């Protein structure tokens, strides 16, 4: 029996230090994790300090020669650059190095392609990949046919390029139409949620912060949760019943990352905008990560780009089981904070209590005596509010509760309905 093994790509990571070498090193550490998630082995790292990226080859001539030697020494099959390369940069690097040239965007797209499981996720990934490929085609026509300008000079390479452009453009249009239909369906779903009056919390955070683990711990949904970047891709929404009986909807979203490709943001805008329509944000942070502050900044920057503003934010400092020593953690943009370990469950009850308190702040306190002839209002409170006290008396049911503002007028008792409420 012959066993066929998939050969692991051996890659050298290449980065530019424009401001701080430490920032560049941290970014390449993350790129190494991305490469590992995509199935490649990192065998070397090259960082060049520059005032700006070289427009033709990303790095300068001296570093390019150093990179050639490193590729030969480590028997590497390719390189991954830490920024998105222009078509010219990618082609020039391939000509100079004679190895496979990739950039951060290509690696992330590859990971997304392997993770997408729902039809919507697959559509979104394919759209992002085609838009990326479409920009890579630009500028390659003259490389395929160097006969010069003028009539009759268009070579076979240029014909192939034009054909690829038409096919990609046609497929992008078809995918965009399909995703518009998906968006309409999502809008209908949102409207149905509004009718149910269940509060919605969008779970956001940097990739691998523990969003899926938290959702599993709270709801028992059982979605995939691994210690890998972008372990889960497709959005999941589940009911969560708080201790006081109040139900809320928790929606998991795609993890954020530095230099998240704009193709992905556009393709996944419908999914990411779940945060835009949520009642409040659950921002999950990996408190054990040394780059925690930088990751929080990336999350807020992405939310701002999506137009997610003026939402109450609860920051969940997760992975407390991995935190060593005393740690001072804060989030100046959060309205509330809580520390826990979604993996062990320690501190999760504190989050549940905080969620109840946050929801209560958005409600109106009601203290009424409902006549037995008007108990339909009590049913509204049970369904949409938070019932604190319910006492049956001779002339009706005395109730203390918190109700959403939009049903407050419907549950009030008019002066003619009951006598003065007892205390």
Protein backbone atom coordinates (compact mmCIF):
# COMPACT_ATOMS: atom_id res chain seq x y z
CA UNK A 1 0.00 0.00 0.00
CA UNK A 2 1.36 3.42 -0.99
CA UNK A 3 0.75 6.29 1.44
CA UNK A 4 0.51 9.76 -0.04
CA UNK A 5 1.48 12.56 2.35
CA UNK A 6 0.64 16.18 1.76
CA UNK A 7 3.86 18.15 1.62
CA UNK A 8 3.97 21.00 4.12
CA UNK A 9 4.96 24.34 2.64
CA UNK A 10 8.13 25.76 4.20
CA UNK A 11 7.90 29.54 4.26
CA UNK A 12 9.95 32.57 5.29
CA UNK A 13 8.02 35.47 6.79
CA UNK A 14 8.90 38.96 5.55
CA UNK A 15 7.92 42.19 7.29
CA UNK A 16 8.60 45.92 7.25
CA UNK A 17 9.29 47.95 10.40
CA UNK A 18 8.03 51.45 9.68
CA UNK A 19 7.70 52.70 13.25
CA UNK A 20 8.72 50.15 15.89
CA UNK A 21 10.69 46.94 15.52
CA UNK A 22 8.72 45.49 18.44
CA UNK A 23 5.41 46.10 16.62
CA UNK A 24 6.80 44.44 13.50
CA UNK A 25 7.97 41.42 15.52
CA UNK A 26 4.56 41.08 17.19
CA UNK A 27 2.84 41.28 13.81
CA UNK A 28 5.11 38.56 12.39
CA UNK A 29 4.40 36.34 15.41
CA UNK A 30 0.73 36.60 14.54
CA UNK A 31 1.54 35.96 10.87
CA UNK A 32 3.38 32.78 11.94
CA UNK A 33 0.18 31.62 13.68
CA UNK A 34 -1.79 32.39 10.54
CA UNK A 35 0.71 30.39 8.47
CA UNK A 36 0.44 27.48 10.90
CA UNK A 37 -3.36 27.60 10.75
CA UNK A 38 -3.14 27.54 6.93
CA UNK A 39 -0.86 24.47 7.10
CA UNK A 40 2.55 26.04 6.42
CA UNK A 41 5.76 25.75 8.48
CA UNK A 42 7.69 28.93 9.26
CA UNK A 43 11.43 28.33 8.76
CA UNK A 44 12.73 31.90 8.87
CA UNK A 45 11.90 35.56 9.48
CA UNK A 46 13.20 38.68 7.74
CA UNK A 47 12.42 42.21 9.00
CA UNK A 48 13.64 45.40 7.35
CA UNK A 49 13.47 48.84 8.96
CA UNK A 50 12.37 51.34 6.32
CA UNK A 51 10.72 54.74 6.14
CA UNK A 52 8.28 53.37 3.58
CA UNK A 53 7.52 50.13 1.75
CA UNK A 54 9.52 49.66 -1.46
CA UNK A 55 7.00 50.22 -4.28
CA UNK A 56 8.57 47.62 -6.56
CA UNK A 57 9.75 44.77 -4.34
CA UNK A 58 8.28 45.48 -0.86
CA UNK A 59 11.80 45.25 0.68
CA UNK A 60 15.03 46.85 -0.51
CA UNK A 61 17.76 45.33 -2.70
CA UNK A 62 20.07 44.41 0.19
CA UNK A 63 17.36 42.57 2.12
CA UNK A 64 16.23 40.92 -1.10
CA UNK A 65 19.70 39.37 -1.53
CA UNK A 66 19.66 38.30 2.13
CA UNK A 67 16.24 36.73 1.61
CA UNK A 68 17.47 34.78 -1.42
CA UNK A 69 20.28 33.28 0.64
CA UNK A 70 17.95 32.42 3.53
CA UNK A 71 15.49 30.70 1.19
CA UNK A 72 18.32 28.55 -0.17
CA UNK A 73 19.72 27.72 3.28
CA UNK A 74 16.34 26.76 4.78
CA UNK A 75 15.11 24.96 1.65
CA UNK A 76 11.99 27.14 1.72
CA UNK A 77 9.33 26.86 -0.96
CA UNK A 78 7.83 30.34 -0.53
CA UNK A 79 7.55 33.61 1.35
CA UNK A 80 4.67 35.34 3.11
CA UNK A 81 4.77 39.13 3.33
CA UNK A 82 3.09 40.78 6.31
CA UNK A 83 1.21 43.33 4.19
CA UNK A 84 -0.99 43.10 1.13
CA UNK A 85 1.24 43.20 -1.94
CA UNK A 86 0.46 45.10 -5.09
CA UNK A 87 0.39 43.09 -8.35
CA UNK A 88 3.72 44.65 -9.37
CA UNK A 89 5.37 43.82 -6.04
CA UNK A 90 4.15 40.24 -6.20
CA UNK A 91 5.38 39.71 -9.75
CA UNK A 92 8.77 41.33 -9.14
CA UNK A 93 9.34 39.21 -6.04
CA UNK A 94 8.44 36.05 -7.95
CA UNK A 95 10.87 36.99 -10.73
CA UNK A 96 13.66 37.77 -8.26
CA UNK A 97 13.21 34.85 -5.87
CA UNK A 98 11.75 32.13 -8.11
CA UNK A 99 9.54 30.84 -5.25
CA UNK A 100 5.87 31.08 -4.34
CA UNK A 101 5.03 34.60 -3.12
CA UNK A 102 2.07 35.15 -0.77
CA UNK A 103 0.86 37.98 1.42
CA UNK A 104 -1.12 38.20 4.66
CA UNK A 105 -4.40 38.74 2.78
CA UNK A 106 -3.95 35.58 0.70
CA UNK A 107 -3.26 33.49 3.83
CA UNK A 108 -6.33 34.84 5.65
CA UNK A 109 -8.49 34.19 2.59
CA UNK A 110 -7.17 30.63 2.45
CA UNK A 111 -8.03 30.07 6.11
CA UNK A 112 -11.52 31.49 5.62
CA UNK A 113 -12.04 29.22 2.61
CA UNK A 114 -11.18 26.15 4.70
CA UNK A 115 -13.38 27.24 7.63
CA UNK A 116 -16.58 28.26 5.84
CA UNK A 117 -19.27 25.61 6.26
CA UNK A 118 -22.60 27.32 5.59
CA UNK A 119 -23.72 28.32 2.10
CA UNK A 120 -23.61 32.00 3.08
CA UNK A 121 -20.07 31.67 4.44
CA UNK A 122 -18.89 29.97 1.25
CA UNK A 123 -20.47 32.68 -0.90
CA UNK A 124 -18.81 35.41 1.15
CA UNK A 125 -15.39 33.77 0.99
CA UNK A 126 -15.58 33.16 -2.75
CA UNK A 127 -16.59 36.78 -3.35
CA UNK A 128 -13.62 38.02 -1.28
CA UNK A 129 -11.23 35.68 -3.11
CA UNK A 130 -12.44 36.80 -6.54
CA UNK A 131 -12.13 40.48 -5.65
CA UNK A 132 -8.59 39.83 -4.43
CA UNK A 133 -7.76 37.91 -7.62
CA UNK A 134 -9.31 40.62 -9.76
CA UNK A 135 -6.90 43.23 -8.38
CA UNK A 136 -3.98 40.83 -8.88
CA UNK A 137 -4.81 40.61 -12.60
CA UNK A 138 -4.41 44.36 -12.99
CA UNK A 139 -1.00 45.24 -14.31
CA UNK A 140 -0.09 41.77 -15.56
CA UNK A 141 -1.14 42.32 -19.19
CA UNK A 142 2.18 43.78 -20.33
CA UNK A 143 4.04 40.98 -18.60
CA UNK A 144 2.07 38.41 -20.57
CA UNK A 145 2.58 40.09 -23.92
CA UNK A 146 5.58 42.40 -24.51
CA UNK A 147 5.04 43.14 -28.21
CA UNK A 148 4.62 46.86 -27.62
CA UNK A 149 1.67 49.18 -28.19
CA UNK A 150 -0.45 49.77 -31.27
CA UNK A 151 -2.81 47.84 -33.53
CA UNK A 152 -2.13 44.15 -33.93
CA UNK A 153 0.19 43.97 -30.90
CA UNK A 154 -2.14 42.24 -28.43
CA UNK A 155 -0.60 38.85 -27.72
CA UNK A 156 -2.20 35.63 -26.48
CA UNK A 157 -1.34 36.50 -22.87
CA UNK A 158 -3.43 39.64 -23.05
CA UNK A 159 -6.36 37.68 -24.49
CA UNK A 160 -6.17 35.26 -21.58
CA UNK A 161 -6.08 38.19 -19.17
CA UNK A 162 -9.16 39.79 -20.71
CA UNK A 163 -10.98 36.45 -20.60
CA UNK A 164 -10.12 35.99 -16.92
CA UNK A 165 -11.29 39.51 -16.18
CA UNK A 166 -14.66 38.89 -17.84
CA UNK A 167 -15.19 35.55 -16.09
CA UNK A 168 -14.27 36.97 -12.68
CA UNK A 169 -16.43 40.06 -13.18
CA UNK A 170 -19.38 37.88 -14.20
CA UNK A 171 -18.97 35.58 -11.20
CA UNK A 172 -18.62 38.54 -8.81
CA UNK A 173 -21.90 39.95 -10.13
CA UNK A 174 -23.63 36.58 -9.65
CA UNK A 175 -22.30 36.18 -6.09
CA UNK A 176 -23.30 39.75 -5.22
CA UNK A 177 -26.88 39.00 -6.33
CA UNK A 178 -26.98 35.83 -4.23
CA UNK A 179 -25.65 37.66 -1.18
CA UNK A 180 -28.29 40.38 -1.63
CA UNK A 181 -30.93 37.66 -1.34
CA UNK A 182 -29.20 36.37 1.79
CA UNK A 183 -29.16 39.93 3.16
CA UNK A 184 -32.91 40.27 2.56
CA UNK A 185 -33.49 37.01 4.43
CA UNK A 186 -31.30 38.26 7.28
CA UNK A 187 -33.33 41.49 7.45
CA UNK A 188 -36.55 39.45 7.70
CA UNK A 189 -34.99 37.44 10.53
CA UNK A 190 -34.06 40.67 12.32
CA UNK A 191 -37.63 41.94 11.99
CA UNK A 192 -38.93 38.71 13.52
CA UNK A 193 -36.50 39.15 16.41
CA UNK A 194 -37.81 42.68 16.95
CA UNK A 195 -41.36 41.32 17.19
CA UNK A 196 -40.23 38.84 19.83
CA UNK A 197 -38.78 41.80 21.79
CA UNK A 198 -35.86 39.66 22.94
CA UNK A 199 -32.74 41.75 23.57
CA UNK A 200 -29.81 40.89 21.25
CA UNK A 201 -26.17 40.87 22.32
CA UNK A 202 -23.48 40.63 19.61
CA UNK A 203 -20.33 38.80 20.72
CA UNK A 204 -17.30 40.47 19.14
CA UNK A 205 -13.58 40.24 19.72
CA UNK A 206 -10.15 39.56 18.33
CA UNK A 207 -9.72 36.15 16.75
CA UNK A 208 -8.98 33.40 19.29
CA UNK A 209 -10.18 35.53 22.22
CA UNK A 210 -12.64 32.79 23.22
CA UNK A 211 -15.94 34.02 21.75
CA UNK A 212 -17.14 30.56 20.69
CA UNK A 213 -16.07 29.01 24.01
CA UNK A 214 -18.06 31.66 25.86
CA UNK A 215 -21.14 31.02 23.70
CA UNK A 216 -20.78 27.27 24.34
CA UNK A 217 -20.46 27.80 28.09
CA UNK A 218 -23.49 30.09 28.29
CA UNK A 219 -25.84 28.22 25.96
CA UNK A 220 -24.41 24.72 25.52
CA UNK A 221 -24.67 25.13 21.75
CA UNK A 222 -21.61 22.94 21.11
CA UNK A 223 -20.00 24.87 18.23
CA UNK A 224 -16.35 24.29 17.34
CA UNK A 225 -13.91 26.03 19.68
CA UNK A 226 -10.19 25.50 19.10
CA UNK A 227 -7.02 27.31 20.16
CA UNK A 228 -6.50 28.53 16.59
CA UNK A 229 -7.03 31.73 14.68
CA UNK A 230 -10.45 31.87 12.99
CA UNK A 231 -11.45 28.45 14.40
CA UNK A 232 -15.08 29.35 13.69
CA UNK A 233 -16.27 31.50 10.84
CA UNK A 234 -20.04 31.23 10.45
CA UNK A 235 -22.25 33.38 12.68
CA UNK A 236 -24.34 31.55 15.30
CA UNK A 237 -27.33 32.90 17.24
CA UNK A 238 -28.70 31.17 20.33
CA UNK A 239 -31.10 31.88 23.20
CA UNK A 240 -29.69 32.41 26.69
CA UNK A 241 -31.95 32.38 29.75
CA UNK A 242 -30.74 34.51 32.65
CA UNK A 243 -31.22 33.54 36.30
CA UNK A 244 -34.19 35.92 36.67
CA UNK A 245 -36.02 34.28 33.76
CA UNK A 246 -35.23 36.97 31.16
CA UNK A 247 -34.20 35.56 27.78
CA UNK A 248 -31.72 37.21 25.43
CA UNK A 249 -30.24 36.30 22.05
CA UNK A 250 -26.47 35.90 21.76
CA UNK A 251 -24.95 36.23 18.29
CA UNK A 252 -21.37 35.13 17.62
CA UNK A 253 -19.49 37.03 14.88
CA UNK A 254 -16.34 36.59 12.80
CA UNK A 255 -13.15 37.26 14.76
CA UNK A 256 -11.24 40.46 14.01
CA UNK A 257 -7.52 40.72 13.30
CA UNK A 258 -4.97 43.41 12.47
CA UNK A 259 -4.82 44.28 8.79
CA UNK A 260 -8.12 42.48 8.17
CA UNK A 261 -8.39 42.45 4.35
CA UNK A 262 -10.89 45.00 3.07
CA UNK A 263 -12.18 42.33 0.64
CA UNK A 264 -13.30 40.30 3.66
CA UNK A 265 -14.86 43.26 5.45
CA UNK A 266 -16.93 44.02 2.36
CA UNK A 267 -17.87 40.38 1.71
CA UNK A 268 -18.76 39.70 5.36
CA UNK A 269 -20.40 43.07 5.97
CA UNK A 270 -23.84 41.46 6.28
CA UNK A 271 -22.59 39.07 8.97
CA UNK A 272 -20.47 41.65 10.77
CA UNK A 273 -23.36 44.11 10.83
CA UNK A 274 -25.14 41.86 13.33
CA UNK A 275 -23.26 44.00 15.83
CA UNK A 276 -24.76 47.14 14.29
CA UNK A 277 -28.32 45.96 14.93
CA UNK A 278 -27.69 44.44 18.36
CA UNK A 279 -28.95 46.07 21.55
CA UNK A 280 -25.52 45.87 23.16
CA UNK A 281 -22.02 44.50 22.54
CA UNK A 282 -20.21 41.71 24.38
CA UNK A 283 -16.54 42.44 23.70
CA UNK A 284 -14.48 39.33 24.50
CA UNK A 285 -10.78 39.96 25.23
CA UNK A 286 -7.95 37.46 25.75
CA UNK A 287 -6.63 38.83 29.05
CA UNK A 288 -3.61 36.49 28.91
CA UNK A 289 -2.31 37.95 25.64
CA UNK A 290 0.54 40.49 25.98
CA UNK A 291 -0.91 42.39 23.00
CA UNK A 292 -4.31 42.71 24.69
CA UNK A 293 -4.46 46.53 24.44
CA UNK A 294 -3.48 46.50 20.78
CA UNK A 295 -6.09 43.84 20.04
CA UNK A 296 -8.81 45.85 21.79
CA UNK A 297 -7.86 48.88 19.68
CA UNK A 298 -8.20 46.77 16.50
CA UNK A 299 -11.68 45.58 17.53
CA UNK A 300 -12.94 49.10 18.23
CA UNK A 301 -11.40 50.39 14.99
CA UNK A 302 -13.21 47.68 13.02
CA UNK A 303 -16.49 48.38 14.80
CA UNK A 304 -16.12 52.09 13.99
CA UNK A 305 -15.52 51.23 10.32
CA UNK A 306 -18.73 49.19 10.34
CA UNK A 307 -20.68 52.08 11.83
CA UNK A 308 -21.26 50.32 15.19
CA UNK A 309 -21.56 53.24 17.61
CA UNK A 310 -23.53 54.32 20.66
CA UNK A 311 -24.08 50.76 21.88
CA UNK A 312 -23.60 49.74 25.51
CA UNK A 313 -20.38 47.69 25.66
CA UNK A 314 -19.64 44.93 28.16
CA UNK A 315 -15.97 43.93 27.96
CA UNK A 316 -15.33 40.35 29.05
CA UNK A 317 -11.71 39.81 30.10
CA UNK A 318 -11.54 36.11 29.27
CA UNK A 319 -8.92 33.37 29.85
CA UNK A 320 -8.33 34.30 33.48
CA UNK A 321 -7.14 30.71 34.01
CA UNK A 322 -4.05 31.62 31.94
CA UNK A 323 -3.31 34.96 33.60
CA UNK A 324 -0.23 34.84 35.83
CA UNK A 325 0.28 37.17 38.77
CA UNK A 326 -1.60 40.38 39.49
CA UNK A 327 -2.89 42.09 36.37
CA UNK A 328 -4.35 45.57 35.97
CA UNK A 329 -6.91 45.40 33.20
CA UNK A 330 -9.14 48.18 31.97
CA UNK A 331 -11.10 49.23 28.92
CA UNK A 332 -11.84 52.94 28.81
CA UNK A 333 -14.38 52.52 26.00
CA UNK A 334 -16.44 49.92 27.84
CA UNK A 335 -19.53 50.74 29.89
CA UNK A 336 -19.07 47.62 32.04
CA UNK A 337 -16.32 45.05 32.56
CA UNK A 338 -16.18 41.53 33.98
CA UNK A 339 -13.37 38.97 34.35
CA UNK A 340 -13.92 35.24 33.84
CA UNK A 341 -12.69 32.03 32.29
CA UNK A 342 -15.10 30.67 29.69
CA UNK A 343 -13.11 27.42 29.58
CA UNK A 344 -13.37 26.62 33.31
CA UNK A 345 -16.64 28.47 33.93
CA UNK A 346 -15.18 30.53 36.77
CA UNK A 347 -16.77 34.00 36.88
CA UNK A 348 -19.45 33.21 34.28
CA UNK A 349 -22.22 33.69 36.88
CA UNK A 350 -20.91 37.23 37.35
CA UNK A 351 -21.45 37.91 33.65
CA UNK A 352 -25.01 36.59 33.88
CA UNK A 353 -25.72 38.92 36.83
CA UNK A 354 -24.18 41.85 34.97
CA UNK A 355 -26.32 41.14 31.90
CA UNK A 356 -29.43 41.23 34.07
CA UNK A 357 -28.35 44.53 35.61
CA UNK A 358 -27.62 46.06 32.19
CA UNK A 359 -30.99 44.96 30.83
CA UNK A 360 -32.72 46.30 33.93
CA UNK A 361 -31.19 49.75 33.40
CA UNK A 362 -32.91 49.87 30.01
CA UNK A 363 -36.31 49.06 31.53
CA UNK A 364 -38.95 50.96 33.48
CA UNK A 365 -39.97 49.98 37.00
CA UNK A 366 -43.64 49.06 37.38
CA UNK A 367 -45.58 48.68 40.65
CA UNK A 368 -49.24 48.03 40.01
CA UNK A 369 -52.34 46.23 41.32
CA UNK A 370 -53.96 44.45 38.39
CA UNK A 371 -57.68 43.61 38.69
CA UNK A 372 -58.48 39.95 38.00
CA UNK A 373 -60.44 41.15 34.97
CA UNK A 374 -57.28 42.62 33.43
CA UNK A 375 -54.63 39.91 33.84
CA UNK A 376 -53.65 40.07 30.14
CA UNK A 377 -51.30 42.90 31.14
CA UNK A 378 -49.65 40.57 33.64
CA UNK A 379 -49.07 38.08 30.84
CA UNK A 380 -47.27 40.79 28.85
CA UNK A 381 -44.99 41.43 31.81
CA UNK A 382 -44.23 37.73 32.20
CA UNK A 383 -43.40 37.42 28.51
CA UNK A 384 -41.32 40.54 27.92
CA UNK A 385 -40.38 41.90 31.33
CA UNK A 386 -38.72 40.87 34.56
CA UNK A 387 -41.17 39.95 37.31
CA UNK A 388 -39.82 40.83 40.77
CA UNK A 389 -42.90 40.22 42.94
CA UNK A 390 -46.36 38.78 42.35
CA UNK A 391 -48.89 38.76 45.23
CA UNK A 392 -52.51 37.61 44.89
CA UNK A 393 -54.95 39.76 46.90
CA UNK A 394 -58.73 40.11 47.20
CA UNK A 395 -59.04 42.85 44.59
CA UNK A 396 -56.31 41.73 42.19
CA UNK A 397 -52.64 40.82 41.72
CA UNK A 398 -50.02 43.15 43.12
CA UNK A 399 -46.94 43.22 40.86
CA UNK A 400 -43.46 44.72 41.05
CA UNK A 401 -41.56 44.35 37.79
CA UNK A 402 -39.26 45.88 35.19
CA UNK A 403 -40.61 46.17 31.65
CA UNK A 404 -39.19 47.35 28.29
CA UNK A 405 -40.01 50.97 27.50
CA UNK A 406 -42.00 50.04 24.37
CA UNK A 407 -44.62 48.09 26.36
CA UNK A 408 -44.74 50.34 29.42
CA UNK A 409 -47.92 52.17 28.34
CA UNK A 410 -49.61 48.85 27.53
CA UNK A 411 -49.11 47.46 31.05
CA UNK A 412 -50.00 50.56 33.04
CA UNK A 413 -53.20 50.48 35.05
CA UNK A 414 -55.44 53.49 34.49
CA UNK A 415 -56.79 55.26 37.57
CA UNK A 416 -60.17 53.75 37.03
CA UNK A 417 -58.82 50.21 36.91
CA UNK A 418 -57.73 49.80 40.51
CA UNK A 419 -57.48 51.45 43.84
CA UNK A 420 -54.30 52.99 45.14
CA UNK A 421 -51.44 50.54 44.96
CA UNK A 422 -50.35 49.16 48.33
CA UNK A 423 -46.76 49.38 49.38
